[in-house]
Every structure is written in C-alpha cells, then in structure tokens.
Amino acid sequence: MEIIVWIGAALSVVGLCGIVYSIVAVARAKRANLPDEELRTRIAKMLPINLGALFVSMIGLMAVIVGVMLG
C-alpha cells in the first residue's frame, strides 16, 4: 500500500503545480492592464486548467488517505 501513498503524493504535487500555474497566469493577465473583455477571455481560458489541477490534487490526496488507511 506504500506505492498508493507515493502515487497519491505525486498526483498532489502535479495538481499543486497546476494550481500555482493558473494563479501566476491570471496574475500576469491582471497586471497587463488589458481591456475588460480580453481579461475575461484569458481568465476563462485558465478556468479548465484550474479545475483540472484541483481535481488531480484531490484524487492524489484521496489516494494518500486510502493508502494510509489500508497500510
């Protein structure tokens, strides 16, 4: 069951990297002083990446919990 914990930890790290990437991308877009419509477009493009990263991170944390409980 130790392998499940390590796989879950790796998934959590990948998800965290995706979340940080989306935060940085949105912050750059806000600092660029773009028109309102273009800013909304860039933020809307980052939404699926952010949600996907949150999902991967959640699955990783669930795998860690399952691995700890079974091990």
N, C-alpha and C. Protein backbone atom coordinates (compact mmCIF):
# COMPACT_ATOMS: atom_id res chain seq x y z
N MET A 1 0.81 -1.20 0.00
CA MET A 1 0.00 0.00 0.00
C MET A 1 0.86 1.27 0.00
N GLU A 2 2.13 1.09 0.24
CA GLU A 2 3.03 2.24 0.25
C GLU A 2 3.09 2.89 -1.13
N ILE A 3 2.96 2.08 -2.18
CA ILE A 3 3.01 2.62 -3.54
C ILE A 3 1.81 3.54 -3.80
N ILE A 4 0.66 3.23 -3.22
CA ILE A 4 -0.51 4.09 -3.39
C ILE A 4 -0.27 5.45 -2.75
N VAL A 5 0.40 5.45 -1.61
CA VAL A 5 0.71 6.71 -0.93
C VAL A 5 1.64 7.56 -1.80
N TRP A 6 2.67 6.94 -2.38
CA TRP A 6 3.62 7.69 -3.19
C TRP A 6 2.99 8.18 -4.50
N ILE A 7 2.14 7.36 -5.11
CA ILE A 7 1.45 7.80 -6.32
C ILE A 7 0.52 8.96 -5.98
N GLY A 8 -0.19 8.86 -4.87
CA GLY A 8 -1.07 9.95 -4.44
C GLY A 8 -0.30 11.22 -4.16
N ALA A 9 0.86 11.08 -3.53
CA ALA A 9 1.68 12.28 -3.26
C ALA A 9 2.15 12.92 -4.56
N ALA A 10 2.52 12.09 -5.53
CA ALA A 10 2.96 12.63 -6.82
C ALA A 10 1.80 13.34 -7.52
N LEU A 11 0.62 12.76 -7.48
CA LEU A 11 -0.55 13.41 -8.09
C LEU A 11 -0.86 14.73 -7.40
N SER A 12 -0.73 14.76 -6.09
CA SER A 12 -0.98 16.00 -5.35
C SER A 12 0.01 17.09 -5.74
N VAL A 13 1.25 16.71 -5.93
CA VAL A 13 2.28 17.70 -6.33
C VAL A 13 1.99 18.21 -7.74
N VAL A 14 1.60 17.32 -8.65
CA VAL A 14 1.26 17.75 -10.01
C VAL A 14 0.07 18.71 -9.97
N GLY A 15 -0.93 18.38 -9.18
CA GLY A 15 -2.09 19.26 -9.05
C GLY A 15 -1.71 20.60 -8.46
N LEU A 16 -0.85 20.60 -7.47
CA LEU A 16 -0.41 21.85 -6.86
C LEU A 16 0.35 22.71 -7.86
N CYS A 17 1.17 22.09 -8.69
CA CYS A 17 1.89 22.84 -9.73
C CYS A 17 0.90 23.47 -10.72
N GLY A 18 -0.14 22.76 -11.07
CA GLY A 18 -1.16 23.31 -11.96
C GLY A 18 -1.90 24.47 -11.34
N ILE A 19 -2.18 24.37 -10.06
CA ILE A 19 -2.86 25.47 -9.36
C ILE A 19 -1.97 26.71 -9.31
N VAL A 20 -0.70 26.51 -9.01
CA VAL A 20 0.24 27.64 -8.98
C VAL A 20 0.37 28.26 -10.36
N TYR A 21 0.41 27.42 -11.40
CA TYR A 21 0.49 27.92 -12.77
C TYR A 21 -0.71 28.80 -13.11
N SER A 22 -1.89 28.34 -12.73
CA SER A 22 -3.09 29.12 -13.05
C SER A 22 -3.12 30.43 -12.27
N ILE A 23 -2.66 30.43 -11.04
CA ILE A 23 -2.60 31.66 -10.25
C ILE A 23 -1.64 32.65 -10.88
N VAL A 24 -0.48 32.18 -11.29
CA VAL A 24 0.52 33.06 -11.90
C VAL A 24 0.01 33.60 -13.23
N ALA A 25 -0.63 32.77 -14.03
CA ALA A 25 -1.13 33.22 -15.33
C ALA A 25 -2.22 34.29 -15.17
N VAL A 26 -3.11 34.11 -14.23
CA VAL A 26 -4.16 35.11 -14.01
C VAL A 26 -3.56 36.40 -13.44
N ALA A 27 -2.59 36.28 -12.56
CA ALA A 27 -1.95 37.48 -12.01
C ALA A 27 -1.23 38.26 -13.11
N ARG A 28 -0.58 37.55 -14.02
CA ARG A 28 0.07 38.24 -15.15
C ARG A 28 -0.95 38.95 -16.02
N ALA A 29 -2.06 38.29 -16.27
CA ALA A 29 -3.10 38.90 -17.10
C ALA A 29 -3.66 40.15 -16.44
N LYS A 30 -3.83 40.13 -15.12
CA LYS A 30 -4.35 41.30 -14.42
C LYS A 30 -3.36 42.45 -14.43
N ARG A 31 -2.07 42.12 -14.33
CA ARG A 31 -1.04 43.16 -14.32
C ARG A 31 -0.81 43.77 -15.71
N ALA A 32 -1.28 43.10 -16.77
CA ALA A 32 -1.03 43.57 -18.13
C ALA A 32 -1.93 44.73 -18.52
N ASN A 33 -2.86 45.12 -17.65
CA ASN A 33 -3.78 46.23 -17.93
C ASN A 33 -4.51 46.03 -19.26
N LEU A 34 -5.08 44.85 -19.43
CA LEU A 34 -5.81 44.52 -20.65
C LEU A 34 -7.21 45.10 -20.60
N PRO A 35 -7.84 45.26 -21.74
CA PRO A 35 -9.25 45.65 -21.74
C PRO A 35 -10.09 44.57 -21.03
N ASP A 36 -11.23 44.98 -20.54
CA ASP A 36 -12.06 44.10 -19.73
C ASP A 36 -12.41 42.79 -20.44
N GLU A 37 -12.78 42.90 -21.71
CA GLU A 37 -13.21 41.71 -22.44
C GLU A 37 -12.06 40.72 -22.66
N GLU A 38 -10.87 41.23 -22.95
CA GLU A 38 -9.72 40.34 -23.15
C GLU A 38 -9.28 39.71 -21.82
N LEU A 39 -9.37 40.47 -20.74
CA LEU A 39 -9.05 39.92 -19.43
C LEU A 39 -10.00 38.79 -19.08
N ARG A 40 -11.28 38.97 -19.33
CA ARG A 40 -12.26 37.91 -19.08
C ARG A 40 -11.97 36.67 -19.93
N THR A 41 -11.55 36.88 -21.16
CA THR A 41 -11.23 35.76 -22.04
C THR A 41 -10.04 34.97 -21.51
N ARG A 42 -9.00 35.66 -21.08
CA ARG A 42 -7.82 34.96 -20.54
C ARG A 42 -8.15 34.21 -19.26
N ILE A 43 -8.93 34.83 -18.40
CA ILE A 43 -9.32 34.16 -17.16
C ILE A 43 -10.20 32.95 -17.46
N ALA A 44 -11.09 33.09 -18.44
CA ALA A 44 -11.95 31.97 -18.81
C ALA A 44 -11.14 30.81 -19.39
N LYS A 45 -10.04 31.10 -20.07
CA LYS A 45 -9.19 30.03 -20.59
C LYS A 45 -8.46 29.29 -19.47
N MET A 46 -8.21 29.98 -18.37
CA MET A 46 -7.49 29.36 -17.25
C MET A 46 -8.40 28.53 -16.35
N LEU A 47 -9.69 28.76 -16.43
CA LEU A 47 -10.63 28.05 -15.56
C LEU A 47 -10.56 26.53 -15.70
N PRO A 48 -10.57 25.96 -16.91
CA PRO A 48 -10.47 24.49 -17.01
C PRO A 48 -9.16 23.94 -16.47
N ILE A 49 -8.07 24.69 -16.65
CA ILE A 49 -6.78 24.23 -16.12
C ILE A 49 -6.82 24.23 -14.61
N ASN A 50 -7.40 25.26 -14.03
CA ASN A 50 -7.51 25.35 -12.58
C ASN A 50 -8.38 24.22 -12.02
N LEU A 51 -9.52 23.99 -12.64
CA LEU A 51 -10.40 22.92 -12.16
C LEU A 51 -9.77 21.56 -12.34
N GLY A 52 -9.07 21.34 -13.44
CA GLY A 52 -8.38 20.07 -13.66
C GLY A 52 -7.29 19.84 -12.62
N ALA A 53 -6.56 20.89 -12.32
CA ALA A 53 -5.49 20.78 -11.31
C ALA A 53 -6.08 20.49 -9.93
N LEU A 54 -7.19 21.13 -9.61
CA LEU A 54 -7.85 20.86 -8.33
C LEU A 54 -8.32 19.40 -8.26
N PHE A 55 -8.85 18.89 -9.38
CA PHE A 55 -9.32 17.51 -9.43
C PHE A 55 -8.16 16.53 -9.24
N VAL A 56 -7.06 16.76 -9.95
CA VAL A 56 -5.89 15.88 -9.82
C VAL A 56 -5.35 15.91 -8.40
N SER A 57 -5.30 17.08 -7.82
CA SER A 57 -4.81 17.21 -6.44
C SER A 57 -5.73 16.48 -5.47
N MET A 58 -7.04 16.60 -5.68
CA MET A 58 -8.00 15.92 -4.81
C MET A 58 -7.87 14.40 -4.92
N ILE A 59 -7.73 13.90 -6.14
CA ILE A 59 -7.56 12.46 -6.34
C ILE A 59 -6.28 11.98 -5.67
N GLY A 60 -5.23 12.78 -5.77
CA GLY A 60 -3.97 12.42 -5.12
C GLY A 60 -4.09 12.37 -3.61
N LEU A 61 -4.76 13.34 -3.04
CA LEU A 61 -4.94 13.34 -1.58
C LEU A 61 -5.82 12.17 -1.13
N MET A 62 -6.81 11.84 -1.94
CA MET A 62 -7.66 10.67 -1.62
C MET A 62 -6.84 9.39 -1.68
N ALA A 63 -5.94 9.28 -2.65
CA ALA A 63 -5.10 8.10 -2.76
C ALA A 63 -4.17 7.99 -1.56
N VAL A 64 -3.64 9.11 -1.10
CA VAL A 64 -2.79 9.09 0.09
C VAL A 64 -3.58 8.59 1.30
N ILE A 65 -4.79 9.10 1.48
CA ILE A 65 -5.60 8.69 2.61
C ILE A 65 -5.95 7.20 2.54
N VAL A 66 -6.32 6.73 1.36
CA VAL A 66 -6.63 5.31 1.19
C VAL A 66 -5.39 4.46 1.46
N GLY A 67 -4.26 4.87 0.95
CA GLY A 67 -3.03 4.11 1.18
C GLY A 67 -2.64 4.06 2.65
N VAL A 68 -2.84 5.15 3.36
CA VAL A 68 -2.51 5.17 4.79
C VAL A 68 -3.49 4.28 5.57
N MET A 69 -4.76 4.36 5.21
CA MET A 69 -5.76 3.55 5.93
C MET A 69 -5.58 2.06 5.67
N LEU A 70 -5.20 1.69 4.46
CA LEU A 70 -5.03 0.27 4.15
C LEU A 70 -3.68 -0.27 4.60
N GLY A 71 -2.71 0.63 4.76
CA GLY A 71 -1.36 0.19 5.10
C GLY A 71 -1.12 0.15 6.52
